[in-house]
């Protein structure tokens, strides 16, 4: 490395350690120090860029329906979604490190955008005894006993409570979940409320992170099948399309095996993003698959 390139790298790294502006869709948002979104999207063209495509297809069938963003982070997903659809967005985020950025970034967006400043806990039965771990622009919830003893617990709520208390803005037809470890537990705890309207689900599939496990991953998929979800589009951790197929326990087993081997042996895909559809939304599934098969990368 030359001296010139070394100084360029140092300046580039220093910029990532400061609060900075980044363009997502039609909006400029603020990223906190250490956040990795801009770096990842510069390196990988499809990284975090498939959700707005799904939102567009959902909105075409259910105009002005509601998007529920669980693990809203700093509002980057909301900005991407707001660029393409006009329906209300409910942003659930309990991390105090991200909330000031989320609130400020949502003020820049048009339409109805609400902040629910809480974490989603898996079910009504769970006691509010959690702590937060934050690193590199992500955060996840852990039981206090597994993290920092005697640390004050953050505020939590459930999917059912959020949807019930915000029913005035319309019906939720798209739910994104990215909680770095509680995705499967949240899905299992929300099966009853999900079964009532079967919204399109976009969530992270990683059985190796936080409190996740292979059993939880497979159990969540089996639970979704039981209430009526039939199809799935699978993306790798860089946002690249992998397959559109039938949702099944066998597929869940294969994805668990793939993630586990890649994390233990190196290389490959570290986690997947799954977009699940009920039988009544098979048309959206087909449209998404057709689009992916003729498109090399997200716009």
Protein backbone atom coordinates (compact mmCIF):
# COMPACT_ATOMS: atom_id res chain seq x y z
CA UNK A 1 0.00 0.00 0.00
CA UNK A 2 1.40 3.41 -0.99
CA UNK A 3 1.48 6.36 1.41
CA UNK A 4 -1.20 8.07 -0.67
CA UNK A 5 -3.54 5.08 -0.57
CA UNK A 6 -2.84 4.65 3.15
CA UNK A 7 -3.93 8.23 3.87
CA UNK A 8 -6.99 7.74 1.67
CA UNK A 9 -7.91 4.65 3.67
CA UNK A 10 -7.39 6.49 6.98
CA UNK A 11 -9.62 9.37 5.86
CA UNK A 12 -12.25 6.90 4.65
CA UNK A 13 -12.19 5.04 7.94
CA UNK A 14 -12.31 8.25 9.97
CA UNK A 15 -15.43 9.31 8.06
CA UNK A 16 -17.15 6.08 9.11
CA UNK A 17 -16.45 6.94 12.75
CA UNK A 18 -18.43 10.18 12.56
CA UNK A 19 -22.08 11.00 12.23
CA UNK A 20 -22.75 11.43 8.53
CA UNK A 21 -25.42 11.86 5.85
CA UNK A 22 -26.31 9.04 3.49
CA UNK A 23 -28.84 8.90 0.65
CA UNK A 24 -31.44 6.12 0.79
CA UNK A 25 -33.93 6.21 -2.06
CA UNK A 26 -35.24 9.76 -2.36
CA UNK A 27 -34.13 10.79 1.12
CA UNK A 28 -31.02 11.91 2.96
CA UNK A 29 -30.75 10.27 6.36
CA UNK A 30 -28.24 10.57 9.18
CA UNK A 31 -26.13 7.57 10.17
CA UNK A 32 -24.52 7.31 13.61
CA UNK A 33 -20.79 6.70 14.09
CA UNK A 34 -19.82 3.12 13.31
CA UNK A 35 -22.93 2.35 11.30
CA UNK A 36 -22.09 0.05 8.39
CA UNK A 37 -25.00 0.59 5.97
CA UNK A 38 -23.17 2.87 3.53
CA UNK A 39 -20.06 0.69 3.52
CA UNK A 40 -22.06 -2.49 2.87
CA UNK A 41 -24.15 -0.92 0.11
CA UNK A 42 -21.04 0.43 -1.61
CA UNK A 43 -19.56 -3.07 -1.63
CA UNK A 44 -22.71 -5.08 -2.40
CA UNK A 45 -25.24 -3.71 -4.89
CA UNK A 46 -28.24 -5.61 -3.50
CA UNK A 47 -27.52 -5.22 0.21
CA UNK A 48 -30.72 -4.10 2.02
CA UNK A 49 -32.29 -3.14 -1.31
CA UNK A 50 -34.92 -5.86 -1.85
CA UNK A 51 -37.46 -4.80 0.78
CA UNK A 52 -38.69 -1.75 -1.20
CA UNK A 53 -39.22 -4.02 -4.20
CA UNK A 54 -41.45 -6.24 -2.09
CA UNK A 55 -43.22 -3.16 -0.69
CA UNK A 56 -44.00 -1.95 -4.21
CA UNK A 57 -45.63 -5.25 -5.12
CA UNK A 58 -47.62 -5.36 -1.86
CA UNK A 59 -48.80 -1.78 -2.39
CA UNK A 60 -49.93 -2.55 -5.93
CA UNK A 61 -52.35 -5.15 -4.55
CA UNK A 62 -53.16 -3.43 -1.23
CA UNK A 63 -52.90 0.34 -1.88
CA UNK A 64 -51.99 2.46 1.14
CA UNK A 65 -51.75 -0.58 3.43
CA UNK A 66 -49.49 -0.42 6.49
CA UNK A 67 -45.88 -1.61 6.77
CA UNK A 68 -44.70 -2.75 10.20
CA UNK A 69 -40.91 -2.37 10.54
CA UNK A 70 -39.69 -4.35 13.57
CA UNK A 71 -36.10 -3.44 14.29
CA UNK A 72 -36.35 -0.12 12.44
CA UNK A 73 -32.77 0.86 13.36
CA UNK A 74 -32.19 4.47 12.18
CA UNK A 75 -35.04 4.50 9.66
CA UNK A 76 -33.10 3.39 6.59
CA UNK A 77 -35.70 0.76 5.66
CA UNK A 78 -38.48 3.29 6.19
CA UNK A 79 -36.75 5.75 3.85
CA UNK A 80 -36.35 3.07 1.18
CA UNK A 81 -40.00 2.00 1.52
CA UNK A 82 -41.32 5.57 1.59
CA UNK A 83 -39.52 6.23 -1.69
CA UNK A 84 -41.80 3.74 -3.46
CA UNK A 85 -45.07 3.59 -1.47
CA UNK A 86 -47.34 6.07 0.30
CA UNK A 87 -48.91 3.87 2.99
CA UNK A 88 -48.26 4.33 6.72
CA UNK A 89 -45.07 2.91 8.24
CA UNK A 90 -44.87 1.79 11.87
CA UNK A 91 -41.25 1.77 13.07
CA UNK A 92 -40.55 -0.30 16.18
CA UNK A 93 -37.14 0.36 17.73
CA UNK A 94 -36.18 0.20 21.38
CA UNK A 95 -32.46 0.95 21.24
CA UNK A 96 -31.74 4.34 22.78
CA UNK A 97 -28.64 4.67 20.58
CA UNK A 98 -30.75 4.55 17.40
CA UNK A 99 -33.95 6.32 18.48
CA UNK A 100 -32.71 9.93 18.06
CA UNK A 101 -31.61 9.12 14.51
CA UNK A 102 -34.82 7.25 13.75
CA UNK A 103 -37.00 10.12 14.93
CA UNK A 104 -34.96 12.73 13.06
CA UNK A 105 -34.85 10.68 9.87
CA UNK A 106 -38.59 10.01 9.89
CA UNK A 107 -39.24 13.75 10.05
CA UNK A 108 -37.68 13.97 6.59
CA UNK A 109 -40.14 11.45 5.14
CA UNK A 110 -43.55 12.23 3.69
CA UNK A 111 -46.71 10.44 4.77
CA UNK A 112 -47.69 8.84 8.07
CA UNK A 113 -44.70 7.44 9.94
CA UNK A 114 -44.86 6.44 13.59
CA UNK A 115 -42.14 5.52 16.06
CA UNK A 116 -42.88 2.87 18.68
CA UNK A 117 -39.89 3.31 21.05
CA UNK A 118 -39.85 -0.23 22.36
CA UNK A 119 -38.40 -3.64 21.63
CA UNK A 120 -40.65 -6.48 20.53
CA UNK A 121 -40.61 -9.31 23.06
CA UNK A 122 -41.55 -12.80 21.86
CA UNK A 123 -44.90 -13.11 23.64
CA UNK A 124 -47.25 -11.77 26.30
CA UNK A 125 -45.84 -14.28 28.78
CA UNK A 126 -42.28 -12.96 28.67
CA UNK A 127 -41.28 -10.78 31.58
CA UNK A 128 -39.59 -7.48 30.81
CA UNK A 129 -36.14 -8.68 31.86
CA UNK A 130 -33.97 -7.86 28.90
CA UNK A 131 -30.80 -5.94 28.08
CA UNK A 132 -29.50 -4.49 24.81
CA UNK A 133 -26.31 -5.31 22.92
CA UNK A 134 -25.30 -2.76 20.25
CA UNK A 135 -22.45 -3.04 17.74
CA UNK A 136 -21.62 -1.95 14.18
CA UNK A 137 -25.00 -0.39 13.49
CA UNK A 138 -27.12 -3.28 14.75
CA UNK A 139 -28.66 -4.17 18.09
CA UNK A 140 -30.28 -7.17 19.69
CA UNK A 141 -32.18 -7.96 22.84
CA UNK A 142 -30.86 -10.44 25.39
CA UNK A 143 -32.12 -11.65 28.72
CA UNK A 144 -30.30 -9.77 31.49
CA UNK A 145 -29.04 -13.03 32.94
CA UNK A 146 -27.26 -13.72 29.65
CA UNK A 147 -25.76 -10.29 29.26
CA UNK A 148 -25.21 -7.63 31.95
CA UNK A 149 -26.46 -8.40 35.46
CA UNK A 150 -28.43 -5.66 37.21
CA UNK A 151 -28.78 -3.57 34.05
CA UNK A 152 -32.12 -1.77 33.73
CA UNK A 153 -34.54 -3.47 31.34
CA UNK A 154 -35.69 -1.62 28.20
CA UNK A 155 -39.35 -1.16 27.41
CA UNK A 156 -40.93 -3.95 25.41
CA UNK A 157 -44.19 -4.69 23.64
CA UNK A 158 -45.65 -7.39 21.38
CA UNK A 159 -46.65 -7.54 17.73
CA UNK A 160 -50.27 -7.86 18.80
CA UNK A 161 -50.09 -4.75 20.99
CA UNK A 162 -48.45 -2.69 18.26
CA UNK A 163 -50.97 -3.69 15.62
CA UNK A 164 -53.89 -3.18 18.01
CA UNK A 165 -52.84 0.27 19.22
CA UNK A 166 -52.17 1.48 15.68
CA UNK A 167 -55.20 -0.02 13.96
CA UNK A 168 -56.43 3.49 13.13
CA UNK A 169 -53.92 3.84 10.28
CA UNK A 170 -55.10 0.72 8.43
CA UNK A 171 -54.33 -2.96 7.98
CA UNK A 172 -50.76 -4.23 8.15
CA UNK A 173 -49.96 -6.15 4.96
CA UNK A 174 -46.14 -6.16 5.11
CA UNK A 175 -44.00 -6.94 8.15
CA UNK A 176 -40.22 -6.71 8.19
CA UNK A 177 -38.37 -8.25 11.15
CA UNK A 178 -34.66 -7.77 11.79
CA UNK A 179 -33.82 -8.17 15.46
CA UNK A 180 -30.49 -10.00 15.31
CA UNK A 181 -31.57 -13.04 17.27
CA UNK A 182 -35.24 -12.88 18.25
CA UNK A 183 -36.84 -13.11 14.80
CA UNK A 184 -37.96 -16.73 15.18
CA UNK A 185 -39.24 -16.25 18.73
CA UNK A 186 -41.18 -13.15 17.66
CA UNK A 187 -42.77 -15.02 14.75
CA UNK A 188 -43.77 -17.92 16.99
CA UNK A 189 -45.24 -15.54 19.55
CA UNK A 190 -47.21 -13.67 16.89
CA UNK A 191 -48.74 -16.62 15.02
CA UNK A 192 -52.23 -15.89 16.31
CA UNK A 193 -52.30 -12.26 15.20
CA UNK A 194 -50.55 -13.11 11.92
CA UNK A 195 -53.14 -15.78 11.11
CA UNK A 196 -55.89 -13.15 11.00
CA UNK A 197 -54.59 -11.22 7.99
CA UNK A 198 -51.52 -13.20 6.79
CA UNK A 199 -49.36 -10.20 5.83
CA UNK A 200 -46.29 -10.68 3.66
CA UNK A 201 -43.34 -11.40 5.98
CA UNK A 202 -39.73 -10.37 5.35
CA UNK A 203 -37.35 -11.56 8.05
CA UNK A 204 -33.78 -12.57 8.77
CA UNK A 205 -33.08 -16.30 8.88
CA UNK A 206 -30.05 -16.84 11.11
CA UNK A 207 -30.09 -19.77 13.56
CA UNK A 208 -26.61 -18.89 14.86
CA UNK A 209 -27.12 -15.40 16.30
CA UNK A 210 -28.23 -14.30 19.76
CA UNK A 211 -30.82 -16.60 21.30
CA UNK A 212 -31.68 -18.21 17.96
CA UNK A 213 -31.23 -21.93 17.33
CA UNK A 214 -31.83 -24.53 14.65
CA UNK A 215 -34.93 -25.74 16.50
CA UNK A 216 -36.32 -22.19 16.72
CA UNK A 217 -35.70 -21.57 13.02
CA UNK A 218 -37.40 -24.78 11.91
CA UNK A 219 -40.19 -24.33 14.44
CA UNK A 220 -40.93 -20.82 13.17
CA UNK A 221 -41.19 -22.02 9.57
CA UNK A 222 -43.44 -24.91 10.61
CA UNK A 223 -45.62 -22.47 12.55
CA UNK A 224 -45.98 -20.21 9.53
CA UNK A 225 -46.96 -23.17 7.37
CA UNK A 226 -49.58 -24.21 9.93
CA UNK A 227 -51.35 -20.83 9.73
CA UNK A 228 -51.35 -20.57 5.95
CA UNK A 229 -48.00 -19.43 4.54
CA UNK A 230 -47.14 -21.39 1.40
CA UNK A 231 -44.42 -19.70 -0.68
CA UNK A 232 -41.05 -18.13 0.02
CA UNK A 233 -38.38 -16.13 -1.77
CA UNK A 234 -34.90 -16.64 -0.34
CA UNK A 235 -32.11 -14.04 -0.51
CA UNK A 236 -28.54 -14.43 0.69
CA UNK A 237 -27.05 -12.07 3.26
CA UNK A 238 -25.96 -9.68 0.50
CA UNK A 239 -29.47 -9.36 -0.88
CA UNK A 240 -28.90 -11.59 -3.90
CA UNK A 241 -31.82 -13.71 -5.09
CA UNK A 242 -31.40 -17.42 -4.45
CA UNK A 243 -34.73 -19.15 -5.08
CA UNK A 244 -38.50 -18.80 -5.11
CA UNK A 245 -40.15 -21.99 -3.92
CA UNK A 246 -42.64 -23.71 -1.62
CA UNK A 247 -42.16 -23.01 2.08
CA UNK A 248 -41.40 -26.27 3.87
CA UNK A 249 -39.72 -27.77 6.91
CA UNK A 250 -37.25 -29.47 4.57
CA UNK A 251 -36.20 -26.11 3.16
CA UNK A 252 -35.76 -24.75 6.69
CA UNK A 253 -33.54 -27.73 7.57
CA UNK A 254 -31.41 -27.14 4.48
CA UNK A 255 -31.02 -23.42 5.21
CA UNK A 256 -30.07 -24.16 8.81
CA UNK A 257 -27.45 -26.64 7.60
CA UNK A 258 -26.09 -24.15 5.07
CA UNK A 259 -25.79 -21.28 7.56
CA UNK A 260 -24.26 -23.51 10.22
CA UNK A 261 -21.64 -24.95 7.87
CA UNK A 262 -20.74 -21.55 6.41
CA UNK A 263 -20.29 -20.02 9.86
CA UNK A 264 -18.25 -22.95 11.14
CA UNK A 265 -16.19 -23.73 8.03
CA UNK A 266 -15.95 -20.29 6.43
CA UNK A 267 -17.13 -18.89 3.11
CA UNK A 268 -20.64 -19.01 1.69
CA UNK A 269 -23.77 -17.36 3.08
CA UNK A 270 -23.76 -16.30 6.74
CA UNK A 271 -27.55 -15.86 6.94
CA UNK A 272 -30.56 -15.55 4.66
CA UNK A 273 -33.50 -13.18 4.29
CA UNK A 274 -36.83 -14.91 3.75
CA UNK A 275 -39.92 -13.32 2.20
CA UNK A 276 -42.97 -15.48 2.95
CA UNK A 277 -46.41 -15.39 1.31
CA UNK A 278 -49.77 -16.92 2.12
CA UNK A 279 -51.75 -18.77 -0.54
CA UNK A 280 -53.88 -15.65 -1.06
CA UNK A 281 -50.76 -13.68 -2.04
CA UNK A 282 -49.39 -16.19 -4.51
CA UNK A 283 -49.75 -13.50 -7.19
CA UNK A 284 -47.31 -11.24 -5.33
CA UNK A 285 -44.91 -14.16 -4.93
CA UNK A 286 -45.07 -14.91 -8.65
CA UNK A 287 -44.50 -11.26 -9.56
CA UNK A 288 -41.46 -11.04 -7.28
CA UNK A 289 -39.94 -14.24 -8.67
CA UNK A 290 -40.50 -13.14 -12.26
CA UNK A 291 -38.88 -9.79 -11.53
CA UNK A 292 -35.86 -11.40 -9.87
CA UNK A 293 -35.32 -13.84 -12.71
CA UNK A 294 -34.94 -11.06 -15.27
CA UNK A 295 -33.02 -8.57 -13.08
CA UNK A 296 -29.34 -8.76 -12.20
CA UNK A 297 -29.44 -6.31 -9.31
CA UNK A 298 -31.70 -3.91 -7.45
CA UNK A 299 -32.13 -0.43 -9.00
